[in-house]
């Protein structure tokens, strides 16, 4: 029997430090088979994102339709979409596949560089894309943008997580708020309808690239092979910490993950 594929929808980072190329590595590392649709081409490297060029929405739609017609899909991971029209295309595509687990990583702005999603597209994402997600994985800034909650501690992370769950609607839905941008040792908070789990780790030295992409894609990879959300999160975090510990450290340059 053919293993179902994880469909990754995200932007290309030519330096492979984040985006599509990082997504593919992370998903494969947890045992997923991966296919991909490119939503944008970026100009970026370790110094940050310099330019973002969205793929035309009809071309994105053609990629998605062709993959869904010819290959068995086990889950979908949505990353940077770069335009309001691409958010609409992806939402329309997911409406036709209601049985699939969907992870949305609401990539809005990188740590360094220009935004990856225009402001007018953020409301479109909150209204039409998040309700289709099984899991949403914002960092602190993205959670604040989507909910209006100012996050400063564990309690406000939980408040933002619950507000995002309200946007997502009924069913088995989860929010993982990534706490890497908080001071001190990071805490990630996984919020479900009836469950809250906290994952603590010691802070690694230096600034990292691609951690959000890698974590989200590894979780989605786990979902594509039948793992539950908590199981997939646990596996993905273990992989990410291992990769961070192996990442080379160069003074003044963000550390790039290494499998």
Protein backbone atom coordinates (compact mmCIF):
# COMPACT_ATOMS: atom_id res chain seq x y z
CA UNK A 1 0.00 0.00 0.00
CA UNK A 2 1.33 3.44 -0.95
CA UNK A 3 2.16 5.63 2.03
CA UNK A 4 0.05 8.81 2.07
CA UNK A 5 2.01 11.97 1.36
CA UNK A 6 2.33 15.11 3.39
CA UNK A 7 1.50 18.05 1.14
CA UNK A 8 3.60 21.08 2.08
CA UNK A 9 2.45 24.49 0.84
CA UNK A 10 5.07 27.13 1.53
CA UNK A 11 7.58 29.61 0.14
CA UNK A 12 11.02 28.85 -1.27
CA UNK A 13 14.03 30.10 0.67
CA UNK A 14 16.97 29.67 -1.74
CA UNK A 15 19.44 29.48 1.17
CA UNK A 16 17.56 26.42 2.61
CA UNK A 17 17.66 27.89 6.11
CA UNK A 18 13.87 28.08 6.29
CA UNK A 19 10.82 27.69 4.09
CA UNK A 20 10.16 24.86 1.66
CA UNK A 21 13.60 23.24 1.68
CA UNK A 22 13.66 23.14 5.48
CA UNK A 23 10.08 21.84 5.50
CA UNK A 24 11.02 18.89 3.31
CA UNK A 25 14.01 17.92 5.45
CA UNK A 26 12.05 18.08 8.70
CA UNK A 27 9.06 16.10 7.46
CA UNK A 28 11.25 13.38 5.99
CA UNK A 29 13.20 13.16 9.24
CA UNK A 30 10.09 11.91 11.05
CA UNK A 31 9.23 9.35 8.40
CA UNK A 32 6.87 11.27 6.11
CA UNK A 33 6.86 11.16 2.34
CA UNK A 34 6.48 14.69 1.04
CA UNK A 35 5.11 16.54 -1.98
CA UNK A 36 5.15 20.30 -2.30
CA UNK A 37 3.42 23.33 -3.81
CA UNK A 38 5.35 26.59 -3.86
CA UNK A 39 3.39 29.67 -2.81
CA UNK A 40 6.15 32.27 -3.19
CA UNK A 41 9.79 32.76 -4.09
CA UNK A 42 11.79 34.78 -1.61
CA UNK A 43 15.15 36.49 -1.74
CA UNK A 44 16.79 35.76 1.59
CA UNK A 45 19.77 34.35 3.43
CA UNK A 46 21.04 34.48 7.01
CA UNK A 47 20.77 38.30 7.01
CA UNK A 48 16.99 38.09 6.58
CA UNK A 49 14.19 38.21 4.02
CA UNK A 50 14.88 40.90 1.42
CA UNK A 51 12.11 40.31 -1.13
CA UNK A 52 8.91 38.22 -1.38
CA UNK A 53 7.37 37.33 -4.75
CA UNK A 54 4.04 35.49 -4.45
CA UNK A 55 3.29 32.81 -7.02
CA UNK A 56 0.20 33.71 -9.04
CA UNK A 57 -2.86 32.22 -7.40
CA UNK A 58 -3.94 30.29 -10.50
CA UNK A 59 -0.52 28.63 -10.65
CA UNK A 60 -0.71 27.71 -6.96
CA UNK A 61 -4.19 26.30 -7.52
CA UNK A 62 -2.96 24.21 -10.46
CA UNK A 63 -0.15 22.75 -8.35
CA UNK A 64 -2.56 21.79 -5.58
CA UNK A 65 -5.20 20.29 -7.86
CA UNK A 66 -2.68 18.19 -9.77
CA UNK A 67 -1.10 16.75 -6.62
CA UNK A 68 -4.48 15.95 -5.05
CA UNK A 69 -5.70 14.23 -8.25
CA UNK A 70 -2.71 11.94 -8.65
CA UNK A 71 -1.36 11.19 -5.16
CA UNK A 72 -2.78 9.92 -1.85
CA UNK A 73 -2.55 12.70 0.73
CA UNK A 74 -2.27 12.01 4.46
CA UNK A 75 -2.03 15.58 5.78
CA UNK A 76 -1.38 19.17 4.68
CA UNK A 77 1.10 21.67 6.09
CA UNK A 78 0.49 25.33 5.25
CA UNK A 79 3.34 27.78 5.69
CA UNK A 80 3.98 31.23 4.20
CA UNK A 81 1.39 32.12 1.55
CA UNK A 82 2.55 35.68 0.76
CA UNK A 83 -0.75 37.08 -0.60
CA UNK A 84 -4.45 37.37 0.17
CA UNK A 85 -5.35 35.59 -3.06
CA UNK A 86 -3.14 32.64 -2.14
CA UNK A 87 -4.82 32.39 1.27
CA UNK A 88 -8.16 32.17 -0.56
CA UNK A 89 -6.89 29.51 -2.97
CA UNK A 90 -5.58 27.33 -0.16
CA UNK A 91 -8.77 27.72 1.86
CA UNK A 92 -10.86 26.71 -1.18
CA UNK A 93 -8.62 23.71 -1.77
CA UNK A 94 -8.86 22.54 1.85
CA UNK A 95 -12.65 22.86 1.81
CA UNK A 96 -12.64 20.05 -0.75
CA UNK A 97 -10.54 17.78 1.51
CA UNK A 98 -12.34 17.91 4.87
CA UNK A 99 -11.04 14.51 5.97
CA UNK A 100 -7.37 15.51 6.02
CA UNK A 101 -5.52 16.77 9.10
CA UNK A 102 -4.24 20.27 8.36
CA UNK A 103 -1.47 22.16 10.14
CA UNK A 104 -1.35 25.91 9.58
CA UNK A 105 1.84 27.71 10.52
CA UNK A 106 0.64 31.34 10.28
CA UNK A 107 3.87 32.85 8.97
CA UNK A 108 3.44 36.62 9.03
CA UNK A 109 6.85 38.22 9.59
CA UNK A 110 10.32 36.73 9.89
CA UNK A 111 12.68 37.58 12.72
CA UNK A 112 14.74 39.57 10.22
CA UNK A 113 13.52 41.28 7.08
CA UNK A 114 10.32 42.20 5.27
CA UNK A 115 6.89 40.70 6.06
CA UNK A 116 5.89 37.40 4.46
CA UNK A 117 2.14 38.12 4.57
CA UNK A 118 0.52 41.49 3.79
CA UNK A 119 -1.64 43.01 6.51
CA UNK A 120 -4.83 42.69 4.44
CA UNK A 121 -4.23 38.93 4.19
CA UNK A 122 -4.02 38.37 7.96
CA UNK A 123 -7.77 38.88 8.46
CA UNK A 124 -8.43 36.58 5.51
CA UNK A 125 -6.32 33.91 7.17
CA UNK A 126 -8.08 34.28 10.52
CA UNK A 127 -11.55 34.20 8.95
CA UNK A 128 -11.23 31.55 6.25
CA UNK A 129 -8.10 29.45 6.80
CA UNK A 130 -7.78 28.90 10.54
CA UNK A 131 -11.27 27.32 10.78
CA UNK A 132 -10.00 24.59 8.44
CA UNK A 133 -6.94 23.76 10.57
CA UNK A 134 -6.46 20.82 12.88
CA UNK A 135 -3.36 22.44 14.40
CA UNK A 136 -2.15 26.05 14.36
CA UNK A 137 1.46 26.77 15.36
CA UNK A 138 2.04 30.52 15.86
CA UNK A 139 5.01 32.06 17.58
CA UNK A 140 4.42 34.77 20.19
CA UNK A 141 4.20 37.65 17.72
CA UNK A 142 1.88 35.75 15.37
CA UNK A 143 -0.41 34.74 18.22
CA UNK A 144 -0.59 38.38 19.34
CA UNK A 145 -1.38 39.53 15.79
CA UNK A 146 -4.16 37.00 15.33
CA UNK A 147 -5.81 37.39 18.74
CA UNK A 148 -5.01 40.88 20.02
CA UNK A 149 -3.74 39.34 23.28
CA UNK A 150 -0.48 40.83 24.58
CA UNK A 151 1.63 37.82 25.57
CA UNK A 152 4.06 38.25 28.44
CA UNK A 153 3.81 35.05 30.45
CA UNK A 154 2.38 31.55 30.67
CA UNK A 155 -1.13 32.77 31.50
CA UNK A 156 -1.35 35.09 28.48
CA UNK A 157 -0.01 32.33 26.20
CA UNK A 158 -2.87 30.16 27.39
CA UNK A 159 -5.38 33.00 26.87
CA UNK A 160 -4.19 33.50 23.29
CA UNK A 161 -4.33 29.76 22.66
CA UNK A 162 -7.95 29.61 23.80
CA UNK A 163 -8.88 32.59 21.59
CA UNK A 164 -7.32 30.86 18.59
CA UNK A 165 -9.29 27.71 19.37
CA UNK A 166 -12.46 29.81 19.21
CA UNK A 167 -11.48 30.96 15.71
CA UNK A 168 -10.93 27.34 14.67
CA UNK A 169 -14.41 26.11 15.50
CA UNK A 170 -15.69 22.68 16.51
CA UNK A 171 -13.96 19.31 16.56
CA UNK A 172 -10.55 18.04 17.61
CA UNK A 173 -8.51 21.27 17.29
CA UNK A 174 -5.17 22.25 18.77
CA UNK A 175 -2.98 25.34 19.10
CA UNK A 176 0.75 25.15 19.79
CA UNK A 177 2.12 28.55 20.81
CA UNK A 178 5.89 28.55 20.43
CA UNK A 179 7.61 30.44 23.21
CA UNK A 180 11.09 30.80 21.74
CA UNK A 181 10.84 34.60 21.58
CA UNK A 182 10.05 34.92 25.29
CA UNK A 183 12.90 35.77 27.68
CA UNK A 184 14.42 32.95 29.73
CA UNK A 185 14.12 29.27 28.99
CA UNK A 186 11.46 28.72 26.33
CA UNK A 187 8.10 27.10 27.00
CA UNK A 188 5.80 25.87 24.23
CA UNK A 189 2.13 25.60 25.18
CA UNK A 190 -0.16 23.08 23.46
CA UNK A 191 -3.83 23.96 23.97
CA UNK A 192 -6.64 21.56 23.08
CA UNK A 193 -10.36 21.68 23.80
CA UNK A 194 -9.89 19.69 27.01
CA UNK A 195 -6.12 19.53 27.46
CA UNK A 196 -3.19 21.88 28.07
CA UNK A 197 0.38 20.64 27.83
CA UNK A 198 3.56 22.60 28.45
CA UNK A 199 6.93 21.70 26.97
CA UNK A 200 9.97 23.23 28.60
CA UNK A 201 13.57 23.23 27.38
CA UNK A 202 16.80 25.07 28.09
CA UNK A 203 17.69 27.95 25.80
CA UNK A 204 20.42 27.20 23.29
CA UNK A 205 23.01 29.96 22.70
CA UNK A 206 22.70 32.19 19.67
CA UNK A 207 19.92 33.08 17.23
CA UNK A 208 18.46 30.32 15.03
CA UNK A 209 16.88 30.26 11.57
CA UNK A 210 14.13 27.93 10.48
CA UNK A 211 13.07 26.51 13.83
CA UNK A 212 9.39 27.35 13.32
CA UNK A 213 9.34 25.83 9.83
CA UNK A 214 11.13 22.68 10.99
CA UNK A 215 8.92 22.15 14.04
CA UNK A 216 5.65 22.70 12.16
CA UNK A 217 6.66 20.43 9.28
CA UNK A 218 7.82 17.67 11.59
CA UNK A 219 4.48 17.81 13.43
CA UNK A 220 2.59 17.69 10.13
CA UNK A 221 4.80 14.81 9.01
CA UNK A 222 3.79 12.90 12.11
CA UNK A 223 0.11 13.58 11.41
CA UNK A 224 0.50 12.27 7.86
CA UNK A 225 1.61 8.86 9.17
CA UNK A 226 -1.18 8.58 11.71
CA UNK A 227 0.21 10.03 14.93
CA UNK A 228 -2.03 11.98 17.28
CA UNK A 229 -1.33 15.68 17.72
CA UNK A 230 0.37 15.29 21.15
CA UNK A 231 2.47 12.37 19.83
CA UNK A 232 3.49 14.35 16.74
CA UNK A 233 4.40 17.42 18.83
CA UNK A 234 6.52 15.35 21.21
CA UNK A 235 8.39 13.69 18.34
CA UNK A 236 8.91 16.96 16.47
CA UNK A 237 10.27 18.81 19.50
CA UNK A 238 12.72 16.00 20.19
CA UNK A 239 13.98 16.20 16.61
CA UNK A 240 14.24 20.00 16.67
CA UNK A 241 16.24 20.08 19.90
CA UNK A 242 18.65 17.53 18.44
CA UNK A 243 19.07 19.64 15.30
CA UNK A 244 19.60 22.83 17.30
CA UNK A 245 22.34 21.18 19.34
CA UNK A 246 24.12 20.23 16.09
CA UNK A 247 23.78 23.64 14.44
CA UNK A 248 27.13 25.40 13.88
CA UNK A 249 27.69 28.61 15.80
CA UNK A 250 29.36 31.56 14.06
CA UNK A 251 29.61 34.89 15.88
CA UNK A 252 27.04 37.39 14.64
CA UNK A 253 25.32 34.97 12.23
CA UNK A 254 22.02 33.17 12.96
CA UNK A 255 22.57 29.44 13.41
CA UNK A 256 21.18 27.24 10.62
CA UNK A 257 19.72 23.89 11.63
CA UNK A 258 21.60 20.76 10.66
CA UNK A 259 19.96 17.31 10.53
